[in-house]
Structures are given as structure tokens and as C-alpha cells.
Amino acid sequence: MKHNAPKKYFIQEHLQRRQIYHGGIGNKNIEEILLKEGFQPILFPYHFNFSIKAKISRIIFSFKCFWDTPSSSIVFFQWPLYAKAHMLLLRLFLTFRRSVKVVCFITDINGLKDGDKKVLKEEVHLFKKIGHFVVHNSSMEKWLLTFHPTATISAIEFFDFLPATQSDVQMKPLSPSIAFAGFLDKSKFIYDLYKIKNVDFHLYGELTHPIPLRYSNLNYYGVFKPADLFQNIKGSFGLVWDGDSIEDLSGVFGEYNKYISPNKLSLYITKGLPVIAHPHAASAQIISKYKIGFTVSSLFNIEEKISQLSENEYEAMKKNCLLLADKISNGRCLSEALYNLGIY
């Protein structure tokens, strides 16, 4: 007897965002891929309305959606969830509808990212109630298994980056020229990059406090939309680093780098920029696995590492990046992760 395939849904929270810059593109791309893969959006009414009437309407919608969702359905969501009505619906499924398979894509762990033990405790408590996860990489998977050993987990390795187009890829020459993109205000180490002589840094992202113009090796270009950033990013390498220091992954954000595969990693790869990371960063395992860059324990070591590379070695790294670029730019990272979870 042929069984009907389960209904597939996702809680939509990002596609309706009006402006997307830098890292936020990953969340939006996830929802675009889910639509392509046949998931139906759970789209709450009055998304940008915070009136009492709108809030009541969303609560009513939560309960209606809860009752109307067929048993054995799959409900996918990205963590963190920000809307209270979305959290209400999730808790209803987890508490009263165990026949519905809830799949969580952990895109961020706020308790780890912000060094907030209270928030982390709340997140861990929620994760323990969920059976299926998509995570960034093996480091995040190991972290999750320490308190949820029965979880079914698929590591995505790279966020999909749909704005990338191979026609815009330009093969850069080997040089000590480094791109760094992201929310720069949290990356305190950038203010010490001027100390690294003979290496040029190209910085992209939101920055409240400007870098002094006297630092000739630091170039700040501002904030770009994702597609524009992909087209305009400069450099021969891309840097995955965070925290307070250029000599180690220090501070809360440096520690967080040990668990995540940031969106900038996918940006660099699809642009054909070999990646530089700290050996303890989660990205280091991926860099080594696919031979798409190198690691340094201190950013002071970059110049020496680059000087030791031959043109052939650099070209091999770029080619390995572009071998992955087709998968990343066509949404296949998430598709494969879902397949490995048995969604299809």
C-alpha cells in the first residue's frame, strides 16, 4: 500500500523582511530554498502590525494552525524565533502534538553568542524537547550531543548563498590582501589590524566608530546588500575571525567562532577567495577538509603564511573553492541536510 508523503511546513519569519544586509541573507535564503523544496509557509497575519487587534489575531492563528496541521506533518523552523506568536505555535506542537515532526535549524545560539548563561539555559531546555536538527558543522553537533545525545542531527557545513553568480567571479592574484565582512561593531579586533604590516585589509559591514584614516592598510567600504557585496568584495583571501584580539579568538565572539560556520564563509568560497581562520575555529575543520585555505593562530602570521604559498598552491585553493561554489549558490547545502535527516 502506498503511503501519502507527509505535509511539509515552515514557520516563515524572514522572507518578509524589507531590508537584508550581510549575514541576514542566510536566513532569507533558507526560506527561499524551503519553498523550492515544496514546504508550505506558515505565514502569520499582520506581520509588521503591533496593535492589540493584530496580536490577538496572531494568537488565534497559532491555535488554528495547531489544530489544522495534519498528524505526521513536518514543521521546520529556524532558531532563534523572534515573534512571540511563532514561539507559541512551536510550544503547542512540542507539548501537545508529538505526532508532528519538528525540525530545528540552529542558525544562532544567542546564549553562546552573547555569553548569557540564563538565555543559554533556556535555549538548551527548548532544544531537549526537539528531536531533529540542522546545525552548522561537526563542532556544533558535538555541542548539541553533550546534553541531547538522542537527537537526530545533520550538519550543513556551509550556509547557502543564493546571490552568488559564477559569471561575477574574478580570479584574484596571490597577494597579502584580505577581505573581512560582517557586523563589524562586534569585531573589536579590527581596530588593531593596522599593527599587521605589509597586509591590506578590506572591511565591509556596519561600523559605528570609524577607523582612523591614517591607517593606510585598512580600507572600509561600508554596508552593501548581499548581491552588491558579492560583486564588489576585494582581496585575495577571506578572513573568518572574531573577538577582541588579533592574536587569538578571545572574548565572547571569539569563543562563538569555535561553534559556527558564518555566512561570510560561504561568501568567500563562492567568490573564489581562499579562507583564513584560527585553528580552533569551527571553520578550520572545513578549510582543512576541502583544502580551501589555511589557518593561523595569530593574525600576525598571515604575511609569512602567504609568502610561503606558491602560485600553484593558491590556484588549487581557488579551484577547490569554486568546486563548492556551485553547491552553495544553488541551495544544495540545505537540501542535502534535509535529505540526510530523512525528510524526503
Protein backbone atom coordinates (compact mmCIF):
# COMPACT_ATOMS: atom_id res chain seq x y z
CA MET A 1 0.00 0.00 0.00
CA LYS A 2 1.37 3.40 -0.97
CA HIS A 3 1.54 5.92 1.86
CA ASN A 4 0.97 9.60 1.27
CA ALA A 5 4.04 11.77 1.81
CA PRO A 6 3.84 13.92 4.94
CA LYS A 7 2.89 17.55 4.61
CA LYS A 8 5.87 19.88 4.97
CA TYR A 9 5.61 23.32 6.55
CA PHE A 10 7.94 26.02 7.79
CA ILE A 11 7.39 28.98 10.09
CA GLN A 12 8.12 31.94 7.84
CA GLU A 13 9.85 34.81 9.61
CA HIS A 14 12.47 36.25 7.25
CA LEU A 15 11.22 36.49 3.66
CA GLN A 16 9.01 39.43 4.54
CA ARG A 17 11.92 41.45 5.91
CA ARG A 18 12.21 44.60 3.83
CA GLN A 19 15.97 45.12 4.05
CA ILE A 20 18.59 42.35 4.14
CA TYR A 21 22.27 43.15 4.66
CA HIS A 22 25.26 40.84 5.01
CA GLY A 23 24.61 37.96 7.47
CA GLY A 24 20.81 38.20 7.37
CA ILE A 25 20.80 36.82 3.83
CA GLY A 26 21.38 33.31 5.18
CA ASN A 27 18.03 33.23 6.99
CA LYS A 28 16.18 34.54 3.96
CA ASN A 29 17.89 32.05 1.63
CA ILE A 30 16.84 29.18 3.90
CA GLU A 31 13.19 30.09 3.47
CA GLU A 32 13.58 30.53 -0.29
CA ILE A 33 15.07 27.03 -0.54
CA LEU A 34 12.30 25.54 1.61
CA LEU A 35 9.71 26.97 -0.78
CA LYS A 36 11.60 25.45 -3.70
CA GLU A 37 11.68 22.10 -1.89
CA GLY A 38 7.91 22.00 -1.51
CA PHE A 39 7.49 23.30 2.04
CA GLN A 40 4.38 25.39 2.65
CA PRO A 41 4.91 28.62 4.61
CA ILE A 42 3.14 29.22 7.89
CA LEU A 43 2.70 32.95 7.45
CA PHE A 44 1.14 34.80 10.35
CA PRO A 45 -1.18 37.76 9.70
CA TYR A 46 -0.28 41.40 10.38
CA HIS A 47 3.44 40.69 10.45
CA PHE A 48 4.53 44.33 10.91
CA ASN A 49 1.50 45.40 12.96
CA PHE A 50 1.85 45.52 16.74
CA SER A 51 -1.64 46.68 17.66
CA ILE A 52 -3.75 44.76 20.20
CA LYS A 53 -6.03 43.57 17.38
CA ALA A 54 -3.04 42.25 15.38
CA LYS A 55 -1.60 40.45 18.40
CA ILE A 56 -4.92 38.77 19.18
CA SER A 57 -5.26 37.76 15.52
CA ARG A 58 -1.85 36.11 15.61
CA ILE A 59 -2.69 34.18 18.77
CA ILE A 60 -5.93 32.92 17.19
CA PHE A 61 -3.97 31.99 14.06
CA SER A 62 -1.49 29.99 16.19
CA PHE A 63 -4.23 27.82 17.67
CA LYS A 64 -5.98 27.39 14.31
CA CYS A 65 -2.71 26.35 12.65
CA PHE A 66 -2.03 23.98 15.54
CA TRP A 67 -5.37 22.22 15.07
CA ASP A 68 -5.33 22.24 11.26
CA THR A 69 -1.86 20.74 10.79
CA PRO A 70 -2.24 17.04 9.92
CA SER A 71 -0.62 14.37 12.06
CA SER A 72 2.77 13.14 10.80
CA SER A 73 3.45 16.53 9.22
CA ILE A 74 6.90 18.12 9.28
CA VAL A 75 7.24 21.60 10.73
CA PHE A 76 10.58 23.31 10.14
CA PHE A 77 11.75 26.46 11.86
CA GLN A 78 14.90 28.50 12.26
CA TRP A 79 16.26 29.22 15.70
CA PRO A 80 16.16 31.86 17.08
CA LEU A 81 12.47 32.51 16.62
CA TYR A 82 11.73 36.15 17.34
CA ALA A 83 7.95 36.56 17.20
CA LYS A 84 6.01 35.58 20.34
CA ALA A 85 3.20 34.08 18.27
CA HIS A 86 5.73 31.86 16.47
CA MET A 87 7.07 30.67 19.82
CA LEU A 88 3.52 29.96 20.98
CA LEU A 89 2.86 27.76 17.95
CA LEU A 90 6.17 25.92 18.40
CA ARG A 91 5.44 25.20 22.08
CA LEU A 92 1.95 23.95 21.18
CA PHE A 93 3.43 21.43 18.74
CA LEU A 94 6.16 20.31 21.14
CA THR A 95 3.78 19.91 24.08
CA PHE A 96 0.57 18.58 22.56
CA ARG A 97 1.30 17.23 19.05
CA ARG A 98 4.15 14.74 19.34
CA SER A 99 2.96 13.18 16.05
CA VAL A 100 4.21 16.29 14.24
CA LYS A 101 7.94 16.10 13.43
CA VAL A 102 9.55 19.38 14.44
CA VAL A 103 12.85 20.17 12.70
CA CYS A 104 15.04 22.97 14.06
CA PHE A 105 17.75 24.69 12.06
CA ILE A 106 20.04 26.26 14.68
CA THR A 107 21.24 29.33 12.82
CA ASP A 108 22.36 31.10 16.00
CA ILE A 109 22.73 30.22 19.69
CA ASN A 110 22.12 33.51 21.47
CA GLY A 111 23.29 32.28 24.85
CA LEU A 112 26.69 31.35 23.42
CA LYS A 113 26.93 34.35 21.12
CA ASP A 114 26.19 36.86 23.88
CA GLY A 115 27.80 34.97 26.76
CA ASP A 116 24.43 34.95 28.57
CA LYS A 117 24.11 31.85 30.78
CA LYS A 118 20.43 32.45 31.53
CA VAL A 119 19.50 32.64 27.86
CA LEU A 120 21.66 29.61 27.07
CA LYS A 121 19.90 27.59 29.79
CA GLU A 122 16.53 28.48 28.24
CA GLU A 123 17.75 27.52 24.76
CA VAL A 124 19.14 24.18 25.96
CA HIS A 125 15.83 23.46 27.73
CA LEU A 126 13.96 24.04 24.46
CA PHE A 127 16.40 22.04 22.34
CA LYS A 128 15.95 19.00 24.60
CA LYS A 129 12.29 18.87 23.53
CA ILE A 130 13.13 18.70 19.80
CA GLY A 131 14.16 15.53 18.00
CA HIS A 132 15.62 16.70 14.67
CA PHE A 133 18.20 19.39 13.94
CA VAL A 134 20.17 21.01 11.17
CA VAL A 135 23.37 22.54 12.57
CA HIS A 136 26.33 24.45 11.14
CA ASN A 137 29.09 21.86 11.46
CA SER A 138 30.53 18.98 13.48
CA SER A 139 31.60 21.31 16.32
CA MET A 140 28.03 22.49 16.86
CA GLU A 141 26.82 18.90 16.52
CA LYS A 142 29.18 17.75 19.29
CA TRP A 143 28.00 20.61 21.50
CA LEU A 144 24.35 19.64 20.97
CA LEU A 145 25.01 15.96 21.68
CA THR A 146 26.58 16.77 25.06
CA PHE A 147 23.13 17.48 26.50
CA HIS A 148 20.85 15.83 23.88
CA PRO A 149 22.50 12.50 22.98
CA THR A 150 19.37 11.10 21.26
CA ALA A 151 18.98 13.99 18.81
CA THR A 152 18.99 13.30 15.08
CA ILE A 153 21.37 15.83 13.56
CA SER A 154 22.56 16.83 10.10
CA ALA A 155 25.47 19.26 9.71
CA ILE A 156 25.12 21.65 6.78
CA GLU A 157 28.81 22.80 6.78
CA PHE A 158 28.05 25.86 4.61
CA PHE A 159 25.13 28.25 4.55
CA ASP A 160 23.66 28.50 1.07
CA PHE A 161 24.41 31.86 -0.56
CA LEU A 162 21.97 32.41 -3.42
CA PRO A 163 23.15 35.90 -4.53
CA ALA A 164 26.37 34.35 -5.84
CA THR A 165 26.68 34.02 -9.61
CA GLN A 166 29.64 32.39 -11.27
CA SER A 167 29.68 34.98 -14.04
CA ASP A 168 30.74 37.57 -11.44
CA VAL A 169 33.72 35.56 -10.17
CA GLN A 170 37.06 37.12 -10.98
CA MET A 171 40.20 35.15 -10.29
CA LYS A 172 42.29 37.28 -7.91
CA PRO A 173 46.10 37.25 -7.98
CA LEU A 174 48.04 35.96 -4.98
CA SER A 175 48.76 38.87 -2.65
CA PRO A 176 48.56 39.78 1.07
CA SER A 177 45.13 41.35 0.57
CA ILE A 178 42.37 40.20 2.94
CA ALA A 179 38.59 40.71 2.90
CA PHE A 180 36.57 40.71 6.11
CA ALA A 181 32.78 41.12 6.03
CA GLY A 182 30.14 41.12 8.74
CA PHE A 183 28.71 43.12 11.62
CA LEU A 184 31.92 44.97 12.33
CA ASP A 185 30.78 46.67 15.54
CA LYS A 186 31.10 43.39 17.43
CA SER A 187 34.53 42.56 15.94
CA LYS A 188 36.78 44.65 18.19
CA PHE A 189 39.94 43.09 16.75
CA ILE A 190 39.63 45.15 13.56
CA TYR A 191 40.93 48.25 15.38
CA ASP A 192 44.29 46.51 15.82
CA LEU A 193 44.68 45.33 12.23
CA TYR A 194 46.87 48.36 11.48
CA LYS A 195 49.58 46.66 13.53
CA ILE A 196 49.91 43.93 10.91
CA LYS A 197 52.34 45.49 8.48
CA ASN A 198 52.51 44.61 4.78
CA VAL A 199 48.97 43.17 4.76
CA ASP A 200 45.97 45.08 3.38
CA PHE A 201 42.53 44.57 4.89
CA HIS A 202 39.23 45.33 3.13
CA LEU A 203 36.36 45.73 5.61
CA TYR A 204 32.63 45.52 4.84
CA GLY A 205 29.71 45.96 7.21
CA GLU A 206 28.13 48.16 9.83
CA LEU A 207 30.68 50.18 11.77
CA THR A 208 29.63 52.84 14.29
CA HIS A 209 33.10 54.04 15.23
CA PRO A 210 35.21 54.86 12.16
CA ILE A 211 38.72 53.54 11.64
CA PRO A 212 41.35 56.34 11.67
CA LEU A 213 42.26 57.37 8.14
CA ARG A 214 45.97 57.29 8.98
CA TYR A 215 45.91 53.50 8.87
CA SER A 216 46.83 53.04 5.23
CA ASN A 217 46.46 49.24 5.26
CA LEU A 218 42.80 49.39 6.39
CA ASN A 219 40.10 50.07 3.81
CA TYR A 220 36.48 50.43 4.92
CA TYR A 221 33.76 50.29 2.25
CA GLY A 222 30.53 50.47 4.28
CA VAL A 223 27.39 48.36 4.12
CA PHE A 224 26.26 46.53 0.97
CA LYS A 225 23.23 44.48 0.03
CA PRO A 226 24.29 40.82 -0.33
CA ALA A 227 24.36 40.72 -4.14
CA ASP A 228 26.28 44.01 -4.29
CA LEU A 229 28.72 42.79 -1.66
CA PHE A 230 29.39 39.65 -3.69
CA GLN A 231 30.11 41.73 -6.80
CA ASN A 232 32.31 44.32 -5.10
CA ILE A 233 34.30 42.49 -2.45
CA LYS A 234 38.07 42.89 -2.83
CA GLY A 235 41.05 40.82 -1.73
CA SER A 236 42.89 37.59 -2.44
CA PHE A 237 41.68 35.84 0.73
CA GLY A 238 38.67 35.98 3.04
CA LEU A 239 39.07 36.12 6.81
CA VAL A 240 36.92 34.20 9.32
CA TRP A 241 37.82 35.65 12.73
CA ASP A 242 36.12 37.35 15.63
CA GLY A 243 36.54 38.64 19.15
CA ASP A 244 38.73 41.21 20.83
CA SER A 245 42.22 40.24 19.71
CA ILE A 246 44.28 39.77 16.55
CA GLU A 247 46.38 37.19 18.40
CA ASP A 248 43.69 34.68 19.41
CA LEU A 249 39.95 34.02 19.46
CA SER A 250 39.38 35.94 22.68
CA GLY A 251 36.20 37.35 24.13
CA VAL A 252 32.62 36.13 23.77
CA PHE A 253 32.52 36.43 19.97
CA GLY A 254 35.91 34.76 19.64
CA GLU A 255 34.60 31.79 21.62
CA TYR A 256 31.46 31.69 19.49
CA ASN A 257 33.64 31.35 16.39
CA LYS A 258 34.54 27.88 17.66
CA TYR A 259 30.99 26.65 17.01
CA ILE A 260 29.72 28.38 13.87
CA SER A 261 30.16 28.40 10.10
CA PRO A 262 29.36 32.08 9.45
CA ASN A 263 27.68 33.36 6.30
CA LYS A 264 30.90 35.13 5.35
CA LEU A 265 32.49 31.70 4.84
CA SER A 266 30.03 30.99 2.01
CA LEU A 267 30.50 34.48 0.58
CA TYR A 268 34.26 33.99 0.32
CA ILE A 269 34.01 30.50 -1.16
CA THR A 270 31.51 31.45 -3.85
CA LYS A 271 33.72 34.42 -4.79
CA GLY A 272 36.73 32.13 -5.14
CA LEU A 273 38.59 33.62 -2.15
CA PRO A 274 40.57 31.05 -0.12
CA VAL A 275 39.75 31.31 3.57
CA ILE A 276 41.93 32.14 6.58
CA ALA A 277 40.77 31.11 10.08
CA HIS A 278 42.06 30.28 13.54
CA PRO A 279 42.93 26.59 14.09
CA HIS A 280 40.29 26.40 16.86
CA ALA A 281 37.53 27.95 14.77
CA ALA A 282 34.86 25.54 13.56
CA SER A 283 35.59 26.75 10.03
CA ALA A 284 39.16 25.39 10.34
CA GLN A 285 37.91 21.81 10.06
CA ILE A 286 36.06 22.67 6.86
CA ILE A 287 39.03 24.57 5.43
CA SER A 288 41.24 21.54 6.01
CA LYS A 289 38.69 19.05 4.70
CA TYR A 290 38.15 20.83 1.37
CA LYS A 291 41.64 22.40 1.06
CA ILE A 292 40.24 25.90 0.59
CA GLY A 293 42.68 27.98 2.64
CA PHE A 294 44.86 27.87 5.73
CA THR A 295 44.83 28.60 9.46
CA VAL A 296 46.86 30.96 11.66
CA SER A 297 46.94 31.10 15.45
CA SER A 298 47.65 34.84 15.25
CA LEU A 299 46.86 37.32 12.50
CA PHE A 300 50.48 38.45 12.73
CA ASN A 301 51.31 35.16 10.94
CA ILE A 302 49.32 35.94 7.81
CA GLU A 303 52.11 37.62 5.87
CA GLU A 304 54.52 34.74 6.43
CA LYS A 305 51.90 32.12 5.52
CA ILE A 306 51.03 33.88 2.27
CA SER A 307 54.70 34.37 1.37
CA GLN A 308 55.21 30.60 1.69
CA LEU A 309 52.41 29.82 -0.79
CA SER A 310 53.30 29.14 -4.39
CA GLU A 311 51.11 30.38 -7.22
CA ASN A 312 50.13 26.77 -7.95
CA GLU A 313 49.07 26.17 -4.35
CA TYR A 314 47.00 29.33 -4.35
CA GLU A 315 45.35 28.42 -7.66
CA ALA A 316 44.49 24.98 -6.27
CA MET A 317 42.78 26.59 -3.26
CA LYS A 318 40.74 28.88 -5.52
CA LYS A 319 39.68 25.96 -7.71
CA ASN A 320 38.61 23.99 -4.65
CA CYS A 321 36.51 26.97 -3.55
CA LEU A 322 34.79 27.14 -6.91
CA LEU A 323 34.08 23.40 -6.82
CA LEU A 324 31.98 24.09 -3.74
CA ALA A 325 30.53 27.33 -5.08
CA ASP A 326 28.02 25.66 -7.39
CA LYS A 327 26.51 23.72 -4.49
CA ILE A 328 26.40 26.74 -2.18
CA SER A 329 24.95 29.14 -4.75
CA ASN A 330 22.19 26.72 -5.82
CA GLY A 331 20.78 25.86 -2.40
CA ARG A 332 22.00 22.29 -2.28
CA CYS A 333 23.59 22.52 1.18
CA LEU A 334 20.24 22.70 2.94
CA SER A 335 18.62 20.25 0.51
CA GLU A 336 21.28 17.63 1.28
CA ALA A 337 20.99 18.27 5.03
CA LEU A 338 17.23 17.67 4.87
CA TYR A 339 17.77 14.51 2.84
CA ASN A 340 20.22 13.23 5.46
CA LEU A 341 17.54 13.79 8.12
CA GLY A 342 15.13 11.60 6.16
CA ILE A 343 12.81 14.47 5.24
CA TYR A 344 12.38 13.22 1.65
